[in-house]
N, C-alpha and C. Protein backbone atom coordinates (compact mmCIF):
# COMPACT_ATOMS: atom_id res chain seq x y z
N MET A 1 0.81 -1.19 0.00
CA MET A 1 0.00 0.00 0.00
C MET A 1 0.86 1.25 0.00
N GLY A 2 2.18 1.13 -0.12
CA GLY A 2 3.06 2.28 -0.07
C GLY A 2 2.76 3.31 -1.15
N SER A 3 2.29 2.90 -2.32
CA SER A 3 2.00 3.85 -3.39
C SER A 3 0.80 4.73 -3.08
N LEU A 4 -0.01 4.34 -2.09
CA LEU A 4 -1.16 5.15 -1.72
C LEU A 4 -0.81 6.24 -0.72
N ALA A 5 0.38 6.17 -0.12
CA ALA A 5 0.72 7.03 1.02
C ALA A 5 0.47 8.51 0.75
N TRP A 6 0.71 8.97 -0.44
CA TRP A 6 0.53 10.39 -0.71
C TRP A 6 -0.94 10.79 -0.80
N GLU A 7 -1.83 9.83 -0.97
CA GLU A 7 -3.25 10.12 -1.09
C GLU A 7 -4.04 9.79 0.18
N VAL A 8 -3.38 9.23 1.19
CA VAL A 8 -4.05 8.82 2.41
C VAL A 8 -3.59 9.72 3.54
N ILE A 9 -4.54 10.28 4.27
CA ILE A 9 -4.19 11.09 5.43
C ILE A 9 -3.75 10.19 6.57
N GLY A 10 -4.49 9.10 6.77
CA GLY A 10 -4.14 8.19 7.86
C GLY A 10 -4.68 6.81 7.62
N VAL A 11 -3.90 5.82 8.03
CA VAL A 11 -4.35 4.44 8.04
C VAL A 11 -4.43 4.08 9.51
N PHE A 12 -5.64 3.92 10.02
CA PHE A 12 -5.81 3.67 11.44
C PHE A 12 -5.53 2.23 11.80
N ASP A 13 -5.97 1.33 10.96
CA ASP A 13 -5.83 -0.09 11.29
C ASP A 13 -6.21 -0.90 10.06
N THR A 14 -5.42 -1.90 9.77
CA THR A 14 -5.81 -2.82 8.70
C THR A 14 -5.61 -4.27 9.16
N GLU A 15 -5.50 -4.46 10.45
CA GLU A 15 -5.33 -5.81 11.02
C GLU A 15 -6.66 -6.27 11.60
N GLY A 16 -6.82 -7.56 11.74
CA GLY A 16 -8.02 -8.09 12.38
C GLY A 16 -9.24 -7.96 11.50
N ASP A 17 -10.37 -7.71 12.14
CA ASP A 17 -11.66 -7.70 11.44
C ASP A 17 -12.14 -6.30 11.08
N CYS A 18 -11.30 -5.29 11.22
CA CYS A 18 -11.67 -3.92 10.92
C CYS A 18 -10.51 -3.22 10.23
N ALA A 19 -10.82 -2.42 9.23
CA ALA A 19 -9.80 -1.62 8.54
C ALA A 19 -10.35 -0.21 8.36
N GLU A 20 -9.49 0.77 8.66
CA GLU A 20 -9.94 2.17 8.58
C GLU A 20 -8.88 3.04 7.92
N TRP A 21 -9.34 3.97 7.06
CA TRP A 21 -8.48 4.93 6.41
C TRP A 21 -9.15 6.30 6.42
N THR A 22 -8.34 7.34 6.28
CA THR A 22 -8.85 8.69 6.07
C THR A 22 -8.16 9.25 4.84
N PHE A 23 -8.96 9.79 3.92
CA PHE A 23 -8.46 10.33 2.67
C PHE A 23 -8.72 11.84 2.62
N PRO A 24 -7.85 12.59 1.95
CA PRO A 24 -8.13 14.02 1.77
C PRO A 24 -9.28 14.20 0.79
N ALA A 25 -9.97 15.29 0.91
CA ALA A 25 -11.09 15.59 0.00
C ALA A 25 -10.54 16.11 -1.32
N GLU A 26 -9.90 15.22 -2.05
CA GLU A 26 -9.30 15.52 -3.35
C GLU A 26 -9.70 14.42 -4.32
N PRO A 27 -9.71 14.71 -5.63
CA PRO A 27 -10.15 13.71 -6.60
C PRO A 27 -9.44 12.36 -6.51
N GLY A 28 -8.17 12.34 -6.13
CA GLY A 28 -7.44 11.08 -6.00
C GLY A 28 -7.97 10.18 -4.91
N ALA A 29 -8.83 10.71 -4.04
CA ALA A 29 -9.38 9.91 -2.94
C ALA A 29 -10.22 8.76 -3.46
N VAL A 30 -10.91 8.94 -4.56
CA VAL A 30 -11.77 7.88 -5.09
C VAL A 30 -10.91 6.69 -5.51
N ARG A 31 -9.87 6.94 -6.25
CA ARG A 31 -8.98 5.86 -6.69
C ARG A 31 -8.28 5.22 -5.50
N ALA A 32 -7.81 6.03 -4.57
CA ALA A 32 -7.12 5.50 -3.39
C ALA A 32 -8.06 4.63 -2.55
N ALA A 33 -9.30 5.05 -2.40
CA ALA A 33 -10.28 4.27 -1.63
C ALA A 33 -10.57 2.94 -2.32
N ARG A 34 -10.74 2.97 -3.63
CA ARG A 34 -10.97 1.71 -4.38
C ARG A 34 -9.80 0.75 -4.19
N THR A 35 -8.59 1.28 -4.30
CA THR A 35 -7.39 0.45 -4.16
C THR A 35 -7.28 -0.12 -2.76
N ALA A 36 -7.57 0.69 -1.75
CA ALA A 36 -7.52 0.22 -0.36
C ALA A 36 -8.54 -0.90 -0.14
N VAL A 37 -9.75 -0.72 -0.67
CA VAL A 37 -10.81 -1.73 -0.51
C VAL A 37 -10.39 -3.04 -1.17
N ARG A 38 -9.92 -2.97 -2.40
CA ARG A 38 -9.53 -4.18 -3.11
C ARG A 38 -8.39 -4.91 -2.37
N SER A 39 -7.42 -4.15 -1.91
CA SER A 39 -6.29 -4.74 -1.21
C SER A 39 -6.74 -5.41 0.10
N GLN A 40 -7.57 -4.71 0.87
CA GLN A 40 -8.02 -5.26 2.14
C GLN A 40 -8.89 -6.49 1.95
N LEU A 41 -9.81 -6.43 1.01
CA LEU A 41 -10.68 -7.59 0.78
C LEU A 41 -9.88 -8.79 0.26
N GLY A 42 -8.84 -8.52 -0.53
CA GLY A 42 -7.96 -9.60 -0.97
C GLY A 42 -7.26 -10.24 0.22
N GLY A 43 -6.78 -9.42 1.14
CA GLY A 43 -6.13 -9.94 2.34
C GLY A 43 -7.07 -10.74 3.23
N TRP A 44 -8.34 -10.42 3.19
CA TRP A 44 -9.35 -11.15 3.97
C TRP A 44 -9.93 -12.32 3.18
N GLN A 45 -9.41 -12.60 2.00
CA GLN A 45 -9.94 -13.64 1.11
C GLN A 45 -11.41 -13.41 0.77
N LEU A 46 -11.77 -12.15 0.58
CA LEU A 46 -13.13 -11.79 0.15
C LEU A 46 -13.08 -11.16 -1.24
N ASP A 47 -12.24 -11.74 -2.11
CA ASP A 47 -12.09 -11.22 -3.47
C ASP A 47 -13.40 -11.17 -4.23
N SER A 48 -14.33 -12.08 -3.90
CA SER A 48 -15.60 -12.11 -4.62
C SER A 48 -16.44 -10.85 -4.37
N LEU A 49 -16.14 -10.11 -3.32
CA LEU A 49 -16.86 -8.87 -3.02
C LEU A 49 -16.10 -7.62 -3.46
N ALA A 50 -14.88 -7.79 -3.94
CA ALA A 50 -14.01 -6.64 -4.21
C ALA A 50 -14.58 -5.68 -5.26
N ASP A 51 -15.05 -6.20 -6.39
CA ASP A 51 -15.53 -5.31 -7.45
C ASP A 51 -16.75 -4.50 -7.01
N LEU A 52 -17.73 -5.18 -6.44
CA LEU A 52 -18.95 -4.49 -6.01
C LEU A 52 -18.66 -3.50 -4.89
N THR A 53 -17.86 -3.92 -3.91
CA THR A 53 -17.54 -3.03 -2.80
C THR A 53 -16.79 -1.80 -3.30
N ALA A 54 -15.82 -2.00 -4.17
CA ALA A 54 -15.06 -0.87 -4.72
C ALA A 54 -15.97 0.09 -5.49
N LEU A 55 -16.90 -0.45 -6.26
CA LEU A 55 -17.84 0.39 -7.01
C LEU A 55 -18.70 1.23 -6.07
N LEU A 56 -19.28 0.59 -5.05
CA LEU A 56 -20.15 1.32 -4.13
C LEU A 56 -19.38 2.34 -3.30
N VAL A 57 -18.17 1.98 -2.89
CA VAL A 57 -17.31 2.94 -2.18
C VAL A 57 -17.00 4.13 -3.08
N SER A 58 -16.72 3.86 -4.36
CA SER A 58 -16.46 4.95 -5.31
C SER A 58 -17.62 5.93 -5.37
N GLU A 59 -18.84 5.40 -5.40
CA GLU A 59 -20.02 6.27 -5.46
C GLU A 59 -20.13 7.13 -4.20
N LEU A 60 -19.92 6.52 -3.04
CA LEU A 60 -20.07 7.29 -1.79
C LEU A 60 -18.94 8.29 -1.58
N VAL A 61 -17.73 7.92 -1.93
CA VAL A 61 -16.61 8.86 -1.82
C VAL A 61 -16.80 10.01 -2.81
N THR A 62 -17.28 9.71 -4.00
CA THR A 62 -17.57 10.78 -4.98
C THR A 62 -18.62 11.74 -4.43
N ASN A 63 -19.68 11.20 -3.81
CA ASN A 63 -20.69 12.07 -3.19
C ASN A 63 -20.06 12.96 -2.13
N SER A 64 -19.19 12.40 -1.32
CA SER A 64 -18.52 13.19 -0.29
C SER A 64 -17.69 14.30 -0.92
N LEU A 65 -16.98 13.99 -1.98
CA LEU A 65 -16.17 15.00 -2.66
C LEU A 65 -17.03 16.12 -3.25
N ARG A 66 -18.19 15.78 -3.76
CA ARG A 66 -19.07 16.78 -4.38
C ARG A 66 -19.73 17.70 -3.36
N HIS A 67 -20.04 17.17 -2.19
CA HIS A 67 -20.89 17.91 -1.27
C HIS A 67 -20.23 18.34 0.03
N ALA A 68 -19.08 17.83 0.35
CA ALA A 68 -18.47 18.14 1.65
C ALA A 68 -17.02 18.58 1.47
N ASP A 69 -16.56 19.37 2.41
CA ASP A 69 -15.15 19.73 2.48
C ASP A 69 -14.56 18.97 3.66
N GLY A 70 -13.32 18.64 3.56
CA GLY A 70 -12.68 17.97 4.69
C GLY A 70 -12.42 16.51 4.41
N PRO A 71 -11.81 15.84 5.36
CA PRO A 71 -11.40 14.46 5.16
C PRO A 71 -12.57 13.49 5.01
N ILE A 72 -12.29 12.40 4.32
CA ILE A 72 -13.29 11.35 4.08
C ILE A 72 -12.78 10.08 4.75
N GLY A 73 -13.62 9.52 5.61
CA GLY A 73 -13.24 8.29 6.30
C GLY A 73 -13.84 7.08 5.61
N LEU A 74 -13.12 5.99 5.65
CA LEU A 74 -13.58 4.72 5.09
C LEU A 74 -13.28 3.64 6.12
N ARG A 75 -14.27 2.83 6.39
CA ARG A 75 -14.12 1.76 7.38
C ARG A 75 -14.78 0.49 6.85
N LEU A 76 -14.07 -0.63 6.94
CA LEU A 76 -14.59 -1.95 6.57
C LEU A 76 -14.58 -2.81 7.83
N VAL A 77 -15.68 -3.52 8.06
CA VAL A 77 -15.76 -4.43 9.20
C VAL A 77 -16.30 -5.75 8.70
N ARG A 78 -15.56 -6.81 8.95
CA ARG A 78 -16.03 -8.14 8.56
C ARG A 78 -16.42 -8.90 9.83
N PRO A 79 -17.34 -9.83 9.70
CA PRO A 79 -17.72 -10.63 10.86
C PRO A 79 -16.58 -11.58 11.22
N GLY A 80 -16.55 -11.99 12.45
CA GLY A 80 -15.49 -12.87 12.91
C GLY A 80 -15.56 -14.27 12.34
N GLY A 81 -16.75 -14.79 12.06
CA GLY A 81 -16.90 -16.16 11.56
C GLY A 81 -17.13 -16.21 10.07
N LEU A 82 -17.52 -17.37 9.60
CA LEU A 82 -17.84 -17.54 8.18
C LEU A 82 -19.21 -16.96 7.89
N GLY A 83 -19.43 -16.57 6.66
CA GLY A 83 -20.72 -16.01 6.27
C GLY A 83 -20.90 -14.62 6.88
N GLY A 84 -22.13 -14.24 7.06
CA GLY A 84 -22.41 -12.94 7.66
C GLY A 84 -22.40 -11.81 6.65
N THR A 85 -22.13 -10.61 7.16
CA THR A 85 -22.15 -9.43 6.29
C THR A 85 -20.89 -8.60 6.47
N LEU A 86 -20.49 -7.99 5.39
CA LEU A 86 -19.41 -7.01 5.39
C LEU A 86 -20.06 -5.66 5.58
N LEU A 87 -19.61 -4.90 6.57
CA LEU A 87 -20.10 -3.54 6.81
C LEU A 87 -19.09 -2.57 6.23
N VAL A 88 -19.59 -1.62 5.44
CA VAL A 88 -18.75 -0.60 4.82
C VAL A 88 -19.32 0.76 5.21
N GLU A 89 -18.45 1.65 5.69
CA GLU A 89 -18.88 2.98 6.12
C GLU A 89 -18.01 4.04 5.45
N VAL A 90 -18.65 5.10 4.96
CA VAL A 90 -17.96 6.25 4.41
C VAL A 90 -18.45 7.47 5.18
N SER A 91 -17.51 8.21 5.78
CA SER A 91 -17.86 9.37 6.62
C SER A 91 -17.28 10.64 6.03
N ASP A 92 -17.98 11.73 6.25
CA ASP A 92 -17.47 13.05 5.86
C ASP A 92 -18.00 14.09 6.84
N PRO A 93 -17.46 15.30 6.80
CA PRO A 93 -17.85 16.32 7.78
C PRO A 93 -19.18 17.04 7.52
N LEU A 94 -19.86 16.73 6.42
CA LEU A 94 -21.15 17.37 6.16
C LEU A 94 -22.23 16.67 6.98
N PRO A 95 -22.97 17.41 7.82
CA PRO A 95 -23.97 16.76 8.66
C PRO A 95 -25.24 16.33 7.92
N ASP A 96 -25.51 16.91 6.78
CA ASP A 96 -26.75 16.62 6.05
C ASP A 96 -26.71 15.22 5.45
N PRO A 97 -27.74 14.42 5.69
CA PRO A 97 -27.77 13.08 5.09
C PRO A 97 -27.97 13.18 3.58
N PRO A 98 -27.47 12.21 2.85
CA PRO A 98 -27.68 12.23 1.39
C PRO A 98 -29.14 11.95 1.09
N ARG A 99 -29.58 12.47 -0.05
CA ARG A 99 -30.97 12.25 -0.48
C ARG A 99 -30.96 11.42 -1.76
N GLU A 100 -31.70 10.35 -1.70
CA GLU A 100 -31.85 9.54 -2.90
C GLU A 100 -32.80 10.27 -3.83
N ARG A 101 -32.44 10.38 -5.09
CA ARG A 101 -33.31 11.06 -6.04
C ARG A 101 -33.46 10.21 -7.29
N VAL A 102 -34.41 10.56 -8.08
CA VAL A 102 -34.64 9.84 -9.33
C VAL A 102 -34.12 10.72 -10.47
N PRO A 103 -32.97 10.33 -11.02
CA PRO A 103 -32.42 11.14 -12.11
C PRO A 103 -33.17 10.92 -13.42
N ARG A 104 -33.15 11.95 -14.24
CA ARG A 104 -33.71 11.81 -15.59
C ARG A 104 -32.69 11.08 -16.46
N PRO A 105 -33.14 10.48 -17.54
CA PRO A 105 -32.20 9.72 -18.39
C PRO A 105 -31.00 10.54 -18.86
N GLU A 106 -31.18 11.83 -19.06
CA GLU A 106 -30.08 12.66 -19.57
C GLU A 106 -29.16 13.16 -18.46
N ASP A 107 -29.50 12.98 -17.20
CA ASP A 107 -28.65 13.42 -16.09
C ASP A 107 -27.37 12.60 -16.05
N GLU A 108 -26.26 13.29 -15.78
CA GLU A 108 -24.97 12.62 -15.71
C GLU A 108 -24.63 12.15 -14.31
N SER A 109 -25.43 12.49 -13.33
CA SER A 109 -25.17 12.06 -11.96
C SER A 109 -26.50 11.78 -11.27
N GLY A 110 -26.42 11.35 -10.02
CA GLY A 110 -27.62 11.13 -9.25
C GLY A 110 -28.04 9.67 -9.11
N ARG A 111 -27.19 8.76 -9.56
CA ARG A 111 -27.55 7.34 -9.50
C ARG A 111 -26.81 6.57 -8.42
N GLY A 112 -25.88 7.21 -7.75
CA GLY A 112 -25.03 6.52 -6.77
C GLY A 112 -25.79 5.89 -5.63
N LEU A 113 -26.70 6.63 -5.01
CA LEU A 113 -27.46 6.05 -3.89
C LEU A 113 -28.42 4.97 -4.36
N GLN A 114 -28.95 5.11 -5.56
CA GLN A 114 -29.79 4.04 -6.11
C GLN A 114 -28.97 2.77 -6.29
N LEU A 115 -27.75 2.92 -6.74
CA LEU A 115 -26.86 1.78 -6.93
C LEU A 115 -26.55 1.13 -5.57
N VAL A 116 -26.26 1.94 -4.57
CA VAL A 116 -25.99 1.42 -3.23
C VAL A 116 -27.23 0.69 -2.70
N ALA A 117 -28.38 1.31 -2.81
CA ALA A 117 -29.62 0.72 -2.30
C ALA A 117 -29.95 -0.59 -3.01
N GLY A 118 -29.76 -0.64 -4.30
CA GLY A 118 -30.12 -1.82 -5.08
C GLY A 118 -29.11 -2.95 -4.99
N SER A 119 -27.88 -2.65 -4.59
CA SER A 119 -26.83 -3.66 -4.59
C SER A 119 -26.49 -4.20 -3.21
N SER A 120 -26.93 -3.53 -2.17
CA SER A 120 -26.56 -3.93 -0.82
C SER A 120 -27.72 -4.62 -0.10
N ARG A 121 -27.38 -5.34 0.94
CA ARG A 121 -28.39 -6.01 1.76
C ARG A 121 -29.21 -4.95 2.51
N ARG A 122 -28.51 -4.00 3.10
CA ARG A 122 -29.13 -2.86 3.78
C ARG A 122 -28.18 -1.67 3.64
N TRP A 123 -28.72 -0.48 3.79
CA TRP A 123 -27.89 0.71 3.81
C TRP A 123 -28.58 1.79 4.61
N GLY A 124 -27.84 2.79 5.00
CA GLY A 124 -28.44 3.89 5.75
C GLY A 124 -27.41 4.96 6.03
N THR A 125 -27.82 5.89 6.87
CA THR A 125 -26.95 6.99 7.25
C THR A 125 -27.18 7.29 8.72
N ARG A 126 -26.15 7.80 9.38
CA ARG A 126 -26.29 8.19 10.77
C ARG A 126 -25.44 9.43 11.02
N PRO A 127 -25.94 10.32 11.89
CA PRO A 127 -25.15 11.50 12.22
C PRO A 127 -23.99 11.12 13.13
N GLY A 128 -22.96 11.92 13.08
CA GLY A 128 -21.82 11.74 13.96
C GLY A 128 -21.42 13.06 14.56
N ALA A 129 -20.46 13.04 15.45
CA ALA A 129 -20.02 14.26 16.13
C ALA A 129 -19.49 15.29 15.14
N GLY A 130 -18.84 14.82 14.09
CA GLY A 130 -18.25 15.75 13.14
C GLY A 130 -18.78 15.61 11.74
N GLY A 131 -20.03 15.17 11.57
CA GLY A 131 -20.59 15.02 10.22
C GLY A 131 -21.57 13.86 10.17
N LYS A 132 -21.39 13.00 9.17
CA LYS A 132 -22.29 11.86 9.00
C LYS A 132 -21.53 10.67 8.47
N THR A 133 -22.17 9.52 8.58
CA THR A 133 -21.64 8.28 8.02
C THR A 133 -22.72 7.65 7.18
N VAL A 134 -22.38 7.28 5.97
CA VAL A 134 -23.27 6.49 5.10
C VAL A 134 -22.68 5.08 5.10
N TRP A 135 -23.54 4.10 5.35
CA TRP A 135 -23.07 2.73 5.48
C TRP A 135 -23.89 1.79 4.60
N PHE A 136 -23.30 0.65 4.29
CA PHE A 136 -24.05 -0.40 3.61
C PHE A 136 -23.47 -1.75 4.02
N GLU A 137 -24.28 -2.78 3.85
CA GLU A 137 -23.88 -4.14 4.17
C GLU A 137 -23.98 -5.01 2.92
N LEU A 138 -23.00 -5.88 2.75
CA LEU A 138 -23.00 -6.85 1.67
C LEU A 138 -22.91 -8.24 2.27
N ALA A 139 -23.70 -9.17 1.75
CA ALA A 139 -23.65 -10.55 2.22
C ALA A 139 -22.32 -11.18 1.80
N ILE A 140 -21.70 -11.87 2.73
CA ILE A 140 -20.46 -12.58 2.43
C ILE A 140 -20.83 -13.98 2.00
N PRO A 141 -20.40 -14.37 0.80
CA PRO A 141 -20.72 -15.73 0.33
C PRO A 141 -20.07 -16.78 1.23
N GLU A 142 -20.79 -17.87 1.44
CA GLU A 142 -20.24 -18.93 2.31
C GLU A 142 -19.49 -19.94 1.52
């Protein structure tokens, strides 16, 4: 992960069942977050979830870049046993929750939350001390 160092503000932990990173609110954060997700899921032998997780993280990090200033947090939590769900959280300093909208066919944006909602087991948002967290869960294949 050394090549990501210039795009990551902090790597809090990538050992055990939880991995956390903080990225600057810059365009490179989307690519860095995708790379971090793929690398971590590979280390956890969850390669089958890597593409979908990276796609959904890209959508949420892009939303954070569009609407918030400040660092973007990313957290992955896997269950301790076999099966279960992978929890993915993206945090930013904007307190306003995202709004799912119905884009028109000619709109170039506005489909990210629909993609998250349609691809995940569950998703939601919660306020935090310094902003909000948007989260989703993906079923881990057994």
